[in-house]
Amino acid sequence: MANDVFLVKKAQKGNQEAFIQLIQGYEIVLYNMARRFLSNEQDIADVLQETVITAYQKIDQLKNPKYFNTWICRIMINQCKKLLNLEPSFDIEDYPFLVDNQETEHLGMNDLLSGLKPIYRIPLVLYYYNGFSVKEISEILTEPTGTIKSRLARGRALLQKDYIGSEGGIV
C-alpha cells in the first residue's frame, strides 16, 4: 500500500513507468473482477483497456493516492456498465452480474449467486471473490459500511437458505 501511494504520486507527476507498475500490480484483481461482470473474453479485454486508458488520463484527478484501489475499481465498474449500455454511475439495482462457472460450479454457487438480488450479490462477490474489505466495498458502492455489513449478512443467509433448499433439506 505504501508503495502504491508512492507510485501514484509519481504517476500523477507524469511518470509513465510508475503508472505501468501500478497497473501491473492491479491487473489480476481488475481482470478477475471484470470476469465476474462480463461473460466473454473480448468484452473483458475491452473493459480493461478502457479502464487503463481512463485511469491514465485522469490519474491527476485522484485526490488521495491511498484510495487508488477503490478509484480504479470504480472506473472498471463504470466501464462495464458503459459496455452493457447502462448508466455509468453505480446503481446496484440494475447491475448485471455473472459468476465464473469454473470457480464455483462444484458448489453450485453460480446458480445460487445468480438467484440473489444484485444488492446482495455484488457485496458478496466483492468481499469473498475479490478480497475487498467492508470499508473498501462501502467506498466502491458509495454505501455506508453498516449497509454493506447488513447486505453481506443477509446475502449469506439467503445463500444458506437456498443451498439447504437445493440439497433437498428443509428450507
Protein backbone atom coordinates (compact mmCIF):
# COMPACT_ATOMS: atom_id res chain seq x y z
CA MET A 1 0.00 0.00 0.00
CA ALA A 2 2.76 2.45 0.88
CA ASN A 3 4.46 1.53 -2.38
CA ASP A 4 1.16 2.16 -4.22
CA VAL A 5 0.91 5.64 -2.73
CA PHE A 6 4.47 6.36 -3.83
CA LEU A 7 3.77 5.07 -7.35
CA VAL A 8 0.50 7.01 -7.61
CA LYS A 9 2.24 10.23 -6.65
CA LYS A 10 4.96 9.60 -9.23
CA ALA A 11 2.36 8.74 -11.88
CA GLN A 12 0.43 11.91 -11.08
CA LYS A 13 3.60 13.85 -11.85
CA GLY A 14 3.76 12.23 -15.29
CA ASN A 15 6.00 9.22 -14.62
CA GLN A 16 4.74 6.62 -17.10
CA GLU A 17 6.85 3.81 -15.65
CA ALA A 18 5.23 4.32 -12.23
CA PHE A 19 1.79 4.11 -13.82
CA ILE A 20 2.74 0.89 -15.62
CA GLN A 21 3.95 -0.61 -12.34
CA LEU A 22 0.68 0.35 -10.67
CA ILE A 23 -1.41 -1.25 -13.38
CA GLN A 24 0.71 -4.39 -13.35
CA GLY A 25 0.04 -4.68 -9.63
CA TYR A 26 -3.71 -4.47 -10.18
CA GLU A 27 -4.16 -6.33 -13.47
CA ILE A 28 -5.13 -9.66 -11.85
CA VAL A 29 -7.62 -8.01 -9.49
CA LEU A 30 -9.17 -5.99 -12.32
CA TYR A 31 -9.29 -8.98 -14.66
CA ASN A 32 -10.95 -11.21 -12.07
CA MET A 33 -13.46 -8.51 -11.23
CA ALA A 34 -14.27 -7.91 -14.91
CA ARG A 35 -14.78 -11.67 -15.41
CA ARG A 36 -17.48 -11.59 -12.79
CA PHE A 37 -19.28 -8.76 -14.54
CA LEU A 38 -18.94 -9.83 -18.17
CA SER A 39 -19.28 -13.16 -19.90
CA ASN A 40 -16.90 -13.04 -22.85
CA GLU A 41 -13.16 -12.51 -23.00
CA GLN A 42 -13.27 -9.86 -25.73
CA ASP A 43 -15.61 -7.68 -23.67
CA ILE A 44 -13.36 -8.18 -20.64
CA ALA A 45 -10.30 -7.12 -22.66
CA ASP A 46 -12.15 -4.05 -23.97
CA VAL A 47 -13.24 -3.01 -20.48
CA LEU A 48 -9.75 -3.50 -19.07
CA GLN A 49 -8.22 -1.46 -21.88
CA GLU A 50 -10.72 1.37 -21.39
CA THR A 51 -10.14 1.25 -17.64
CA VAL A 52 -6.39 1.64 -18.04
CA ILE A 53 -6.77 4.44 -20.59
CA THR A 54 -9.25 6.32 -18.41
CA ALA A 55 -7.10 5.85 -15.31
CA TYR A 56 -4.04 7.11 -17.17
CA GLN A 57 -5.87 10.16 -18.48
CA LYS A 58 -7.41 11.04 -15.12
CA ILE A 59 -4.84 9.95 -12.55
CA ASP A 60 -4.09 13.59 -11.79
CA GLN A 61 -7.73 13.93 -10.62
CA LEU A 62 -7.29 11.33 -7.86
CA LYS A 63 -7.26 13.45 -4.72
CA ASN A 64 -5.95 10.88 -2.23
CA PRO A 65 -3.40 8.37 -3.58
CA LYS A 66 -4.18 5.82 -0.86
CA TYR A 67 -7.60 5.27 -2.50
CA PHE A 68 -6.15 4.23 -5.87
CA ASN A 69 -7.53 0.69 -5.48
CA THR A 70 -11.08 1.90 -4.90
CA TRP A 71 -10.77 4.55 -7.62
CA ILE A 72 -9.57 2.19 -10.34
CA CYS A 73 -12.19 -0.43 -9.41
CA ARG A 74 -14.90 2.18 -9.70
CA ILE A 75 -13.58 3.15 -13.16
CA MET A 76 -13.68 -0.51 -14.18
CA ILE A 77 -17.24 -0.95 -12.90
CA ASN A 78 -18.34 2.14 -14.82
CA GLN A 79 -16.66 0.82 -17.96
CA CYS A 80 -18.56 -2.47 -17.58
CA LYS A 81 -21.81 -0.59 -17.27
CA LYS A 82 -20.97 1.54 -20.30
CA LEU A 83 -20.26 -1.57 -22.35
CA LEU A 84 -23.59 -3.03 -21.29
CA ASN A 85 -25.34 0.24 -22.24
CA LEU A 86 -26.25 1.03 -18.67
CA GLU A 87 -25.88 4.28 -16.82
CA PRO A 88 -22.17 4.59 -15.85
CA SER A 89 -22.88 5.77 -12.33
CA PHE A 90 -23.09 2.85 -9.95
CA ASP A 91 -26.68 1.74 -9.37
CA ILE A 92 -26.71 -1.71 -7.84
CA GLU A 93 -30.39 -2.28 -8.56
CA ASP A 94 -29.83 -2.78 -12.29
CA TYR A 95 -26.31 -4.17 -12.18
CA PRO A 96 -25.87 -7.31 -14.29
CA PHE A 97 -23.60 -9.88 -12.79
CA LEU A 98 -22.16 -13.16 -13.96
CA VAL A 99 -20.04 -15.54 -11.91
CA ASP A 100 -17.20 -17.64 -13.29
CA ASN A 101 -18.51 -21.18 -13.68
CA GLN A 102 -15.13 -22.88 -13.25
CA GLU A 103 -14.53 -21.49 -9.77
CA THR A 104 -17.98 -22.13 -8.35
CA GLU A 105 -19.51 -25.00 -10.29
CA HIS A 106 -18.54 -27.67 -7.77
CA LEU A 107 -20.53 -25.91 -5.07
CA GLY A 108 -23.43 -24.88 -7.29
CA MET A 109 -22.65 -21.32 -6.30
CA ASN A 110 -23.20 -19.96 -9.80
CA ASP A 111 -26.90 -20.77 -9.65
CA LEU A 112 -27.20 -19.71 -6.03
CA LEU A 113 -25.46 -16.36 -6.56
CA SER A 114 -27.30 -15.60 -9.78
CA GLY A 115 -30.57 -16.09 -7.89
CA LEU A 116 -29.73 -13.29 -5.43
CA LYS A 117 -30.74 -9.70 -5.95
CA PRO A 118 -27.78 -7.55 -7.05
CA ILE A 119 -27.85 -5.61 -3.76
CA TYR A 120 -26.71 -8.82 -2.00
CA ARG A 121 -24.79 -10.48 -4.84
CA ILE A 122 -22.37 -7.64 -5.56
CA PRO A 123 -21.11 -7.12 -1.99
CA LEU A 124 -20.73 -10.90 -1.53
CA VAL A 125 -18.58 -11.25 -4.62
CA LEU A 126 -16.50 -8.16 -3.89
CA TYR A 127 -15.89 -9.47 -0.36
CA TYR A 128 -15.35 -13.18 -0.97
CA TYR A 129 -14.04 -13.36 -4.52
CA ASN A 130 -12.14 -10.10 -4.80
CA GLY A 131 -10.99 -9.80 -1.20
CA PHE A 132 -12.19 -6.24 -0.59
CA SER A 133 -12.79 -5.15 2.99
CA VAL A 134 -16.19 -3.90 4.12
CA LYS A 135 -14.78 -0.35 4.12
CA GLU A 136 -13.47 -0.70 0.55
CA ILE A 137 -16.79 -2.12 -0.65
CA SER A 138 -18.52 0.77 1.06
CA GLU A 139 -16.35 3.21 -0.89
CA ILE A 140 -16.80 1.38 -4.20
CA LEU A 141 -20.57 1.16 -3.88
CA THR A 142 -20.90 4.54 -2.13
CA GLU A 143 -22.97 2.97 0.65
CA PRO A 144 -22.43 3.22 4.43
CA THR A 145 -20.36 0.41 5.99
CA GLY A 146 -23.35 -0.61 8.10
CA THR A 147 -25.39 -1.13 4.93
CA ILE A 148 -22.62 -3.27 3.42
CA LYS A 149 -22.36 -5.38 6.59
CA SER A 150 -26.11 -5.84 6.60
CA ARG A 151 -26.19 -6.84 2.92
CA LEU A 152 -23.34 -9.30 3.42
CA ALA A 153 -25.12 -10.92 6.36
CA ARG A 154 -28.45 -11.03 4.54
CA GLY A 155 -26.80 -12.35 1.38
CA ARG A 156 -25.05 -15.12 3.32
CA ALA A 157 -28.35 -16.04 5.00
CA LEU A 158 -30.13 -16.16 1.64
CA LEU A 159 -27.37 -18.29 0.14
CA GLN A 160 -27.51 -20.68 3.08
CA LYS A 161 -31.28 -20.93 2.80
CA ASP A 162 -31.10 -21.54 -0.95
CA TYR A 163 -28.26 -24.05 -0.54
CA ILE A 164 -30.17 -26.08 2.04
CA GLY A 165 -33.26 -25.93 -0.18
CA SER A 166 -31.31 -27.08 -3.24
CA GLU A 167 -29.91 -30.05 -1.33
CA GLY A 168 -33.40 -31.30 -0.59
CA GLY A 169 -33.28 -30.18 3.02
CA ILE A 170 -35.73 -28.08 4.92
CA VAL A 171 -35.88 -24.50 3.71
